[in-house]
């Protein structure tokens, strides 16, 4: 992310995305994925840094329930913590266990 300045890392076993310095490996920030509704656990399926806007990324996240649709979470790391995450539901999301192209 940001032309090799930062590394974003996430796992399908966790609900956290980590932002680390590419030079030192030091963890700079954790972003927790919280689903809509109580007890809604989410996990990371894919991460993408925005190639045109520094400090912006998108996360494809899925709920642990297979019947739930995936969501794209847009993150602006420079925004205040309240507005840093903007959730937008995908209209035609694939189930979390299918491979899409």
PDB file of N, CA and C in Angstrom:
ATOM      1  N   UNK A   1       0.842  -1.175   0.000  1.00  0.00           N
ATOM      2  CA  UNK A   1       0.000   0.000   0.000  1.00  0.00           C
ATOM      3  C   UNK A   1       0.891   1.244   0.000  1.00  0.00           C
ATOM      4  N   UNK A   2       0.454   2.303  -0.627  1.00  0.00           N
ATOM      5  CA  UNK A   2       1.197   3.567  -0.720  1.00  0.00           C
ATOM      6  C   UNK A   2       2.573   3.381  -1.359  1.00  0.00           C
ATOM      7  N   UNK A   3       2.632   2.649  -2.447  1.00  0.00           N
ATOM      8  CA  UNK A   3       3.899   2.502  -3.158  1.00  0.00           C
ATOM      9  C   UNK A   3       4.961   1.799  -2.343  1.00  0.00           C
ATOM     10  N   UNK A   4       4.608   0.769  -1.658  1.00  0.00           N
ATOM     11  CA  UNK A   4       5.518  -0.076  -0.868  1.00  0.00           C
ATOM     12  C   UNK A   4       5.894   0.497   0.486  1.00  0.00           C
ATOM     13  N   UNK A   5       5.199   1.522   0.965  1.00  0.00           N
ATOM     14  CA  UNK A   5       5.498   2.082   2.283  1.00  0.00           C
ATOM     15  C   UNK A   5       4.896   1.256   3.414  1.00  0.00           C
ATOM     16  N   UNK A   6       3.737   0.669   3.150  1.00  0.00           N
ATOM     17  CA  UNK A   6       3.008  -0.056   4.190  1.00  0.00           C
ATOM     18  C   UNK A   6       2.595  -1.429   3.684  1.00  0.00           C
ATOM     19  N   UNK A   7       2.453  -2.349   4.602  1.00  0.00           N
ATOM     20  CA  UNK A   7       1.969  -3.689   4.304  1.00  0.00           C
ATOM     21  C   UNK A   7       0.659  -3.878   5.045  1.00  0.00           C
ATOM     22  N   UNK A   8      -0.366  -4.358   4.337  1.00  0.00           N
ATOM     23  CA  UNK A   8      -1.631  -4.684   4.990  1.00  0.00           C
ATOM     24  C   UNK A   8      -1.743  -6.204   4.997  1.00  0.00           C
ATOM     25  N   UNK A   9      -2.153  -6.733   6.134  1.00  0.00           N
ATOM     26  CA  UNK A   9      -2.177  -8.175   6.317  1.00  0.00           C
ATOM     27  C   UNK A   9      -3.457  -8.591   7.022  1.00  0.00           C
ATOM     28  N   UNK A  10      -4.054  -9.665   6.553  1.00  0.00           N
ATOM     29  CA  UNK A  10      -5.251 -10.207   7.182  1.00  0.00           C
ATOM     30  C   UNK A  10      -5.345 -11.687   6.901  1.00  0.00           C
ATOM     31  N   UNK A  11      -6.217 -12.346   7.614  1.00  0.00           N
ATOM     32  CA  UNK A  11      -6.355 -13.789   7.490  1.00  0.00           C
ATOM     33  C   UNK A  11      -7.822 -14.183   7.554  1.00  0.00           C
ATOM     34  N   UNK A  12      -8.167 -15.262   6.876  1.00  0.00           N
ATOM     35  CA  UNK A  12      -9.547 -15.741   6.924  1.00  0.00           C
ATOM     36  C   UNK A  12      -9.863 -16.375   8.281  1.00  0.00           C
ATOM     37  N   UNK A  13      -8.868 -16.519   9.141  1.00  0.00           N
ATOM     38  CA  UNK A  13      -9.082 -17.044  10.496  1.00  0.00           C
ATOM     39  C   UNK A  13      -9.272 -15.937  11.519  1.00  0.00           C
ATOM     40  N   UNK A  14      -9.127 -14.690  11.092  1.00  0.00           N
ATOM     41  CA  UNK A  14      -9.179 -13.575  12.043  1.00  0.00           C
ATOM     42  C   UNK A  14     -10.136 -12.491  11.550  1.00  0.00           C
ATOM     43  N   UNK A  15     -10.541 -11.627  12.464  1.00  0.00           N
ATOM     44  CA  UNK A  15     -11.407 -10.496  12.125  1.00  0.00           C
ATOM     45  C   UNK A  15     -10.640  -9.178  12.198  1.00  0.00           C
ATOM     46  N   UNK A  16      -9.301  -9.248  12.070  1.00  0.00           N
ATOM     47  CA  UNK A  16      -8.448  -8.070  12.207  1.00  0.00           C
ATOM     48  C   UNK A  16      -7.568  -7.923  10.970  1.00  0.00           C
ATOM     49  N   UNK A  17      -7.411  -6.677  10.498  1.00  0.00           N
ATOM     50  CA  UNK A  17      -6.451  -6.340   9.447  1.00  0.00           C
ATOM     51  C   UNK A  17      -5.355  -5.531  10.111  1.00  0.00           C
ATOM     52  N   UNK A  18      -4.108  -5.896   9.839  1.00  0.00           N
ATOM     53  CA  UNK A  18      -2.972  -5.195  10.438  1.00  0.00           C
ATOM     54  C   UNK A  18      -2.287  -4.329   9.395  1.00  0.00           C
ATOM     55  N   UNK A  19      -1.911  -3.120   9.786  1.00  0.00           N
ATOM     56  CA  UNK A  19      -1.154  -2.215   8.924  1.00  0.00           C
ATOM     57  C   UNK A  19       0.237  -2.109   9.530  1.00  0.00           C
ATOM     58  N   UNK A  20       1.254  -2.472   8.735  1.00  0.00           N
ATOM     59  CA  UNK A  20       2.640  -2.491   9.227  1.00  0.00           C
ATOM     60  C   UNK A  20       3.537  -1.642   8.335  1.00  0.00           C
ATOM     61  N   UNK A  21       4.611  -1.144   8.909  1.00  0.00           N
ATOM     62  CA  UNK A  21       5.622  -0.407   8.163  1.00  0.00           C
ATOM     63  C   UNK A  21       6.434  -1.401   7.333  1.00  0.00           C
ATOM     64  N   UNK A  22       6.577  -1.146   6.034  1.00  0.00           N
ATOM     65  CA  UNK A  22       7.304  -2.048   5.158  1.00  0.00           C
ATOM     66  C   UNK A  22       8.805  -2.038   5.444  1.00  0.00           C
ATOM     67  N   UNK A  23       9.331  -0.948   5.993  1.00  0.00           N
ATOM     68  CA  UNK A  23      10.760  -0.839   6.278  1.00  0.00           C
ATOM     69  C   UNK A  23      11.161  -1.590   7.540  1.00  0.00           C
ATOM     70  N   UNK A  24      10.378  -1.421   8.604  1.00  0.00           N
ATOM     71  CA  UNK A  24      10.743  -1.983   9.910  1.00  0.00           C
ATOM     72  C   UNK A  24       9.917  -3.199  10.310  1.00  0.00           C
ATOM     73  N   UNK A  25       8.748  -3.367   9.692  1.00  0.00           N
ATOM     74  CA  UNK A  25       7.853  -4.447  10.080  1.00  0.00           C
ATOM     75  C   UNK A  25       7.017  -4.126  11.307  1.00  0.00           C
ATOM     76  N   UNK A  26       7.211  -2.938  11.872  1.00  0.00           N
ATOM     77  CA  UNK A  26       6.479  -2.532  13.073  1.00  0.00           C
ATOM     78  C   UNK A  26       4.992  -2.390  12.769  1.00  0.00           C
ATOM     79  N   UNK A  27       4.157  -2.943  13.642  1.00  0.00           N
ATOM     80  CA  UNK A  27       2.709  -2.830  13.469  1.00  0.00           C
ATOM     81  C   UNK A  27       2.282  -1.424  13.854  1.00  0.00           C
ATOM     82  N   UNK A  28       1.593  -0.746  12.942  1.00  0.00           N
ATOM     83  CA  UNK A  28       1.184   0.636  13.154  1.00  0.00           C
ATOM     84  C   UNK A  28      -0.265   0.752  13.609  1.00  0.00           C
ATOM     85  N   UNK A  29      -1.108  -0.162  13.124  1.00  0.00           N
ATOM     86  CA  UNK A  29      -2.525  -0.052  13.435  1.00  0.00           C
ATOM     87  C   UNK A  29      -3.224  -1.374  13.162  1.00  0.00           C
ATOM     88  N   UNK A  30      -4.236  -1.674  13.950  1.00  0.00           N
ATOM     89  CA  UNK A  30      -5.111  -2.817  13.719  1.00  0.00           C
ATOM     90  C   UNK A  30      -6.494  -2.294  13.386  1.00  0.00           C
ATOM     91  N   UNK A  31      -7.138  -2.928  12.428  1.00  0.00           N
ATOM     92  CA  UNK A  31      -8.500  -2.565  12.048  1.00  0.00           C
ATOM     93  C   UNK A  31      -9.371  -3.789  12.303  1.00  0.00           C
ATOM     94  N   UNK A  32     -10.329  -3.640  13.195  1.00  0.00           N
ATOM     95  CA  UNK A  32     -11.201  -4.741  13.566  1.00  0.00           C
ATOM     96  C   UNK A  32     -12.448  -4.730  12.697  1.00  0.00           C
ATOM     97  N   UNK A  33     -12.804  -5.884  12.166  1.00  0.00           N
ATOM     98  CA  UNK A  33     -14.013  -6.011  11.350  1.00  0.00           C
ATOM     99  C   UNK A  33     -15.161  -6.420  12.258  1.00  0.00           C
ATOM    100  N   UNK A  34     -16.161  -5.591  12.305  1.00  0.00           N
ATOM    101  CA  UNK A  34     -17.330  -5.863  13.127  1.00  0.00           C
ATOM    102  C   UNK A  34     -18.544  -5.916  12.221  1.00  0.00           C
ATOM    103  N   UNK A  35     -19.247  -7.028  12.272  1.00  0.00           N
ATOM    104  CA  UNK A  35     -20.423  -7.202  11.430  1.00  0.00           C
ATOM    105  C   UNK A  35     -21.600  -6.405  11.945  1.00  0.00           C
ATOM    106  N   UNK A  36     -22.562  -6.224  11.073  1.00  0.00           N
ATOM    107  CA  UNK A  36     -23.787  -5.523  11.450  1.00  0.00           C
ATOM    108  C   UNK A  36     -24.666  -6.478  12.244  1.00  0.00           C
ATOM    109  N   UNK A  37     -25.133  -6.043  13.375  1.00  0.00           N
ATOM    110  CA  UNK A  37     -25.955  -6.896  14.234  1.00  0.00           C
ATOM    111  C   UNK A  37     -25.108  -7.527  15.324  1.00  0.00           C
ATOM    112  N   UNK A  38     -25.746  -7.911  16.390  1.00  0.00           N
ATOM    113  CA  UNK A  38     -25.007  -8.478  17.514  1.00  0.00           C
ATOM    114  C   UNK A  38     -24.571  -9.900  17.197  1.00  0.00           C
ATOM    115  N   UNK A  39     -23.354 -10.226  17.594  1.00  0.00           N
ATOM    116  CA  UNK A  39     -22.815 -11.562  17.402  1.00  0.00           C
ATOM    117  C   UNK A  39     -22.466 -11.911  15.970  1.00  0.00           C
ATOM    118  N   UNK A  40     -22.368 -10.932  15.092  1.00  0.00           N
ATOM    119  CA  UNK A  40     -22.048 -11.188  13.688  1.00  0.00           C
ATOM    120  C   UNK A  40     -20.539 -11.140  13.497  1.00  0.00           C
ATOM    121  N   UNK A  41     -19.919 -12.294  13.383  1.00  0.00           N
ATOM    122  CA  UNK A  41     -18.470 -12.367  13.205  1.00  0.00           C
ATOM    123  C   UNK A  41     -18.123 -12.298  11.724  1.00  0.00           C
ATOM    124  N   UNK A  42     -17.069 -11.548  11.413  1.00  0.00           N
ATOM    125  CA  UNK A  42     -16.604 -11.403  10.038  1.00  0.00           C
ATOM    126  C   UNK A  42     -15.145 -11.817   9.946  1.00  0.00           C
ATOM    127  N   UNK A  43     -14.719 -12.202   8.743  1.00  0.00           N
ATOM    128  CA  UNK A  43     -13.317 -12.503   8.519  1.00  0.00           C
ATOM    129  C   UNK A  43     -12.900 -11.991   7.150  1.00  0.00           C
ATOM    130  N   UNK A  44     -11.600 -11.854   6.964  1.00  0.00           N
ATOM    131  CA  UNK A  44     -11.023 -11.278   5.753  1.00  0.00           C
ATOM    132  C   UNK A  44     -10.981 -12.324   4.641  1.00  0.00           C
ATOM    133  N   UNK A  45     -11.450 -11.942   3.457  1.00  0.00           N
ATOM    134  CA  UNK A  45     -11.293 -12.785   2.276  1.00  0.00           C
ATOM    135  C   UNK A  45     -10.236 -12.221   1.333  1.00  0.00           C
ATOM    136  N   UNK A  46     -10.160 -10.886   1.231  1.00  0.00           N
ATOM    137  CA  UNK A  46      -9.213 -10.259   0.319  1.00  0.00           C
ATOM    138  C   UNK A  46      -8.931  -8.828   0.767  1.00  0.00           C
ATOM    139  N   UNK A  47      -7.718  -8.365   0.494  1.00  0.00           N
ATOM    140  CA  UNK A  47      -7.301  -6.996   0.822  1.00  0.00           C
ATOM    141  C   UNK A  47      -6.732  -6.330  -0.423  1.00  0.00           C
ATOM    142  N   UNK A  48      -7.057  -5.067  -0.616  1.00  0.00           N
ATOM    143  CA  UNK A  48      -6.506  -4.309  -1.740  1.00  0.00           C
ATOM    144  C   UNK A  48      -6.231  -2.879  -1.316  1.00  0.00           C
ATOM    145  N   UNK A  49      -5.006  -2.424  -1.514  1.00  0.00           N
ATOM    146  CA  UNK A  49      -4.685  -1.023  -1.325  1.00  0.00           C
ATOM    147  C   UNK A  49      -5.168  -0.250  -2.541  1.00  0.00           C
ATOM    148  N   UNK A  50      -5.647   0.961  -2.345  1.00  0.00           N
ATOM    149  CA  UNK A  50      -6.113   1.797  -3.455  1.00  0.00           C
ATOM    150  C   UNK A  50      -4.887   2.355  -4.174  1.00  0.00           C
ATOM    151  N   UNK A  51      -4.715   2.059  -5.460  1.00  0.00           N
ATOM    152  CA  UNK A  51      -3.531   2.524  -6.174  1.00  0.00           C
ATOM    153  C   UNK A  51      -3.543   4.017  -6.484  1.00  0.00           C
ATOM    154  N   UNK A  52      -4.701   4.666  -6.339  1.00  0.00           N
ATOM    155  CA  UNK A  52      -4.819   6.077  -6.690  1.00  0.00           C
ATOM    156  C   UNK A  52      -4.933   6.995  -5.481  1.00  0.00           C
ATOM    157  N   UNK A  53      -5.318   6.451  -4.328  1.00  0.00           N
ATOM    158  CA  UNK A  53      -5.482   7.276  -3.127  1.00  0.00           C
ATOM    159  C   UNK A  53      -4.671   6.687  -1.984  1.00  0.00           C
ATOM    160  N   UNK A  54      -3.647   7.413  -1.560  1.00  0.00           N
ATOM    161  CA  UNK A  54      -2.823   6.963  -0.439  1.00  0.00           C
ATOM    162  C   UNK A  54      -3.670   6.802   0.814  1.00  0.00           C
ATOM    163  N   UNK A  55      -3.289   5.852   1.641  1.00  0.00           N
ATOM    164  CA  UNK A  55      -3.935   5.585   2.930  1.00  0.00           C
ATOM    165  C   UNK A  55      -5.386   5.130   2.794  1.00  0.00           C
ATOM    166  N   UNK A  56      -5.749   4.570   1.650  1.00  0.00           N
ATOM    167  CA  UNK A  56      -7.086   4.013   1.436  1.00  0.00           C
ATOM    168  C   UNK A  56      -6.944   2.564   1.011  1.00  0.00           C
ATOM    169  N   UNK A  57      -7.856   1.725   1.481  1.00  0.00           N
ATOM    170  CA  UNK A  57      -7.866   0.317   1.092  1.00  0.00           C
ATOM    171  C   UNK A  57      -9.281  -0.217   1.131  1.00  0.00           C
ATOM    172  N   UNK A  58      -9.471  -1.370   0.525  1.00  0.00           N
ATOM    173  CA  UNK A  58     -10.754  -2.057   0.553  1.00  0.00           C
ATOM    174  C   UNK A  58     -10.535  -3.472   1.058  1.00  0.00           C
ATOM    175  N   UNK A  59     -11.497  -3.951   1.811  1.00  0.00           N
ATOM    176  CA  UNK A  59     -11.440  -5.289   2.386  1.00  0.00           C
ATOM    177  C   UNK A  59     -12.691  -6.033   1.936  1.00  0.00           C
ATOM    178  N   UNK A  60     -12.513  -7.196   1.324  1.00  0.00           N
ATOM    179  CA  UNK A  60     -13.639  -8.071   1.055  1.00  0.00           C
ATOM    180  C   UNK A  60     -13.761  -8.961   2.281  1.00  0.00           C
ATOM    181  N   UNK A  61     -14.869  -8.827   2.981  1.00  0.00           N
ATOM    182  CA  UNK A  61     -15.071  -9.556   4.232  1.00  0.00           C
ATOM    183  C   UNK A  61     -16.324 -10.410   4.136  1.00  0.00           C
ATOM    184  N   UNK A  62     -16.302 -11.519   4.835  1.00  0.00           N
ATOM    185  CA  UNK A  62     -17.450 -12.424   4.843  1.00  0.00           C
ATOM    186  C   UNK A  62     -17.838 -12.731   6.280  1.00  0.00           C
ATOM    187  N   UNK A  63     -19.110 -12.987   6.467  1.00  0.00           N
ATOM    188  CA  UNK A  63     -19.602 -13.425   7.771  1.00  0.00           C
ATOM    189  C   UNK A  63     -19.314 -14.911   7.928  1.00  0.00           C
ATOM    190  N   UNK A  64     -19.267 -15.376   9.155  1.00  0.00           N
ATOM    191  CA  UNK A  64     -19.019 -16.794   9.401  1.00  0.00           C
ATOM    192  C   UNK A  64     -20.201 -17.655   8.986  1.00  0.00           C
ATOM    193  N   UNK A  65     -21.399 -17.074   8.932  1.00  0.00           N
ATOM    194  CA  UNK A  65     -22.570 -17.825   8.459  1.00  0.00           C
ATOM    195  C   UNK A  65     -22.508 -17.943   6.937  1.00  0.00           C
ATOM    196  N   UNK A  66     -22.530 -19.155   6.390  1.00  0.00           N
ATOM    197  CA  UNK A  66     -22.409 -19.316   4.937  1.00  0.00           C
ATOM    198  C   UNK A  66     -23.546 -18.682   4.144  1.00  0.00           C
ATOM    199  N   UNK A  67     -24.702 -18.501   4.744  1.00  0.00           N
ATOM    200  CA  UNK A  67     -25.837 -17.938   4.013  1.00  0.00           C
ATOM    201  C   UNK A  67     -25.759 -16.419   3.874  1.00  0.00           C
ATOM    202  N   UNK A  68     -24.863 -15.781   4.614  1.00  0.00           N
ATOM    203  CA  UNK A  68     -24.728 -14.325   4.567  1.00  0.00           C
ATOM    204  C   UNK A  68     -23.896 -13.896   3.368  1.00  0.00           C
ATOM    205  N   UNK A  69     -24.202 -12.712   2.847  1.00  0.00           N
ATOM    206  CA  UNK A  69     -23.447 -12.167   1.723  1.00  0.00           C
ATOM    207  C   UNK A  69     -22.155 -11.522   2.216  1.00  0.00           C
ATOM    208  N   UNK A  70     -21.188 -11.466   1.316  1.00  0.00           N
ATOM    209  CA  UNK A  70     -19.936 -10.780   1.608  1.00  0.00           C
ATOM    210  C   UNK A  70     -20.148  -9.277   1.567  1.00  0.00           C
ATOM    211  N   UNK A  71     -19.227  -8.535   2.166  1.00  0.00           N
ATOM    212  CA  UNK A  71     -19.279  -7.073   2.143  1.00  0.00           C
ATOM    213  C   UNK A  71     -17.926  -6.524   1.739  1.00  0.00           C
ATOM    214  N   UNK A  72     -17.956  -5.379   1.080  1.00  0.00           N
ATOM    215  CA  UNK A  72     -16.728  -4.645   0.819  1.00  0.00           C
ATOM    216  C   UNK A  72     -16.662  -3.526   1.847  1.00  0.00           C
ATOM    217  N   UNK A  73     -15.555  -3.477   2.580  1.00  0.00           N
ATOM    218  CA  UNK A  73     -15.344  -2.454   3.590  1.00  0.00           C
ATOM    219  C   UNK A  73     -14.264  -1.522   3.057  1.00  0.00           C
ATOM    220  N   UNK A  74     -14.629  -0.261   2.851  1.00  0.00           N
ATOM    221  CA  UNK A  74     -13.670   0.734   2.387  1.00  0.00           C
ATOM    222  C   UNK A  74     -13.105   1.441   3.612  1.00  0.00           C
ATOM    223  N   UNK A  75     -11.772   1.554   3.666  1.00  0.00           N
ATOM    224  CA  UNK A  75     -11.115   2.143   4.822  1.00  0.00           C
ATOM    225  C   UNK A  75     -10.234   3.306   4.387  1.00  0.00           C
ATOM    226  N   UNK A  76     -10.421   4.455   5.030  1.00  0.00           N
ATOM    227  CA  UNK A  76      -9.563   5.628   4.853  1.00  0.00           C
ATOM    228  C   UNK A  76      -8.822   5.793   6.166  1.00  0.00           C
ATOM    229  N   UNK A  77      -7.536   5.490   6.168  1.00  0.00           N
ATOM    230  CA  UNK A  77      -6.753   5.526   7.404  1.00  0.00           C
ATOM    231  C   UNK A  77      -6.534   6.933   7.940  1.00  0.00           C
ATOM    232  N   UNK A  78      -6.752   7.949   7.121  1.00  0.00           N
ATOM    233  CA  UNK A  78      -6.558   9.326   7.564  1.00  0.00           C
ATOM    234  C   UNK A  78      -7.817   9.934   8.165  1.00  0.00           C
ATOM    235  N   UNK A  79      -8.965   9.283   7.974  1.00  0.00           N
ATOM    236  CA  UNK A  79     -10.229   9.796   8.514  1.00  0.00           C
ATOM    237  C   UNK A  79     -10.273   9.571  10.020  1.00  0.00           C
ATOM    238  N   UNK A  80     -11.161  10.282  10.691  1.00  0.00           N
ATOM    239  CA  UNK A  80     -11.331  10.073  12.126  1.00  0.00           C
ATOM    240  C   UNK A  80     -11.777   8.642  12.364  1.00  0.00           C
ATOM    241  N   UNK A  81     -11.556   8.119  13.546  1.00  0.00           N
ATOM    242  CA  UNK A  81     -11.853   6.712  13.818  1.00  0.00           C
ATOM    243  C   UNK A  81     -13.330   6.393  13.641  1.00  0.00           C
ATOM    244  N   UNK A  82     -14.223   7.364  13.847  1.00  0.00           N
ATOM    245  CA  UNK A  82     -15.656   7.116  13.690  1.00  0.00           C
ATOM    246  C   UNK A  82     -16.052   6.926  12.234  1.00  0.00           C
ATOM    247  N   UNK A  83     -15.388   7.645  11.331  1.00  0.00           N
ATOM    248  CA  UNK A  83     -15.779   7.570   9.925  1.00  0.00           C
ATOM    249  C   UNK A  83     -14.736   6.858   9.068  1.00  0.00           C
ATOM    250  N   UNK A  84     -13.769   6.187   9.677  1.00  0.00           N
ATOM    251  CA  UNK A  84     -12.701   5.542   8.919  1.00  0.00           C
ATOM    252  C   UNK A  84     -13.206   4.373   8.093  1.00  0.00           C
ATOM    253  N   UNK A  85     -14.222   3.681   8.588  1.00  0.00           N
ATOM    254  CA  UNK A  85     -14.732   2.519   7.871  1.00  0.00           C
ATOM    255  C   UNK A  85     -16.092   2.831   7.273  1.00  0.00           C
ATOM    256  N   UNK A  86     -16.230   2.578   5.994  1.00  0.00           N
ATOM    257  CA  UNK A  86     -17.497   2.803   5.297  1.00  0.00           C
ATOM    258  C   UNK A  86     -17.937   1.457   4.727  1.00  0.00           C
ATOM    259  N   UNK A  87     -18.985   0.892   5.294  1.00  0.00           N
ATOM    260  CA  UNK A  87     -19.452  -0.414   4.851  1.00  0.00           C
ATOM    261  C   UNK A  87     -20.376  -0.240   3.655  1.00  0.00           C
ATOM    262  N   UNK A  88     -20.180  -1.055   2.657  1.00  0.00           N
ATOM    263  CA  UNK A  88     -21.102  -1.042   1.519  1.00  0.00           C
ATOM    264  C   UNK A  88     -21.349  -2.479   1.097  1.00  0.00           C
ATOM    265  N   UNK A  89     -22.599  -2.900   1.138  1.00  0.00           N
ATOM    266  CA  UNK A  89     -22.948  -4.275   0.767  1.00  0.00           C
ATOM    267  C   UNK A  89     -22.795  -4.473  -0.732  1.00  0.00           C
ATOM    268  N   UNK A  90     -22.276  -5.630  -1.073  1.00  0.00           N
ATOM    269  CA  UNK A  90     -22.193  -5.997  -2.474  1.00  0.00           C
ATOM    270  C   UNK A  90     -23.578  -6.429  -2.937  1.00  0.00           C
ATOM    271  N   UNK A  91     -23.961  -6.033  -4.125  1.00  0.00           N
ATOM    272  CA  UNK A  91     -25.274  -6.379  -4.652  1.00  0.00           C
ATOM    273  C   UNK A  91     -25.363  -7.856  -5.038  1.00  0.00           C
ATOM    274  N   UNK A  92     -24.359  -8.388  -5.697  1.00  0.00           N
ATOM    275  CA  UNK A  92     -24.395  -9.775  -6.166  1.00  0.00           C
ATOM    276  C   UNK A  92     -23.199 -10.540  -5.623  1.00  0.00           C
ATOM    277  N   UNK A  93     -23.051 -10.569  -4.320  1.00  0.00           N
ATOM    278  CA  UNK A  93     -21.906 -11.225  -3.708  1.00  0.00           C
ATOM    279  C   UNK A  93     -22.026 -12.738  -3.839  1.00  0.00           C
ATOM    280  N   UNK A  94     -20.893 -13.364  -4.041  1.00  0.00           N
ATOM    281  CA  UNK A  94     -20.860 -14.820  -4.104  1.00  0.00           C
ATOM    282  C   UNK A  94     -20.839 -15.374  -2.691  1.00  0.00           C
ATOM    283  N   UNK A  95     -21.388 -16.564  -2.477  1.00  0.00           N
ATOM    284  CA  UNK A  95     -21.254 -17.169  -1.156  1.00  0.00           C
ATOM    285  C   UNK A  95     -19.789 -17.317  -0.798  1.00  0.00           C
ATOM    286  N   UNK A  96     -19.482 -17.288   0.483  1.00  0.00           N
ATOM    287  CA  UNK A  96     -18.087 -17.271   0.912  1.00  0.00           C
ATOM    288  C   UNK A  96     -17.330 -18.528   0.547  1.00  0.00           C
ATOM    289  N   UNK A  97     -17.999 -19.637   0.203  1.00  0.00           N
ATOM    290  CA  UNK A  97     -17.291 -20.852  -0.111  1.00  0.00           C
ATOM    291  C   UNK A  97     -17.113 -21.066  -1.622  1.00  0.00           C
ATOM    292  N   UNK A  98     -17.533 -20.122  -2.438  1.00  0.00           N
ATOM    293  CA  UNK A  98     -17.378 -20.301  -3.884  1.00  0.00           C
ATOM    294  C   UNK A  98     -16.207 -19.486  -4.403  1.00  0.00           C
ATOM    295  N   UNK A  99     -15.689 -19.896  -5.534  1.00  0.00           N
ATOM    296  CA  UNK A  99     -14.596 -19.177  -6.168  1.00  0.00           C
ATOM    297  C   UNK A  99     -15.188 -18.317  -7.274  1.00  0.00           C
ATOM    298  N   UNK A 100     -14.891 -17.032  -7.264  1.00  0.00           N
ATOM    299  CA  UNK A 100     -15.425 -16.133  -8.278  1.00  0.00           C
ATOM    300  C   UNK A 100     -14.327 -15.605  -9.169  1.00  0.00           C
ATOM    301  N   UNK A 101     -14.685 -15.134 -10.343  1.00  0.00           N
ATOM    302  CA  UNK A 101     -13.655 -14.614 -11.245  1.00  0.00           C
ATOM    303  C   UNK A 101     -13.924 -13.208 -11.630  1.00  0.00           C
TER     304      UNK A 101
END
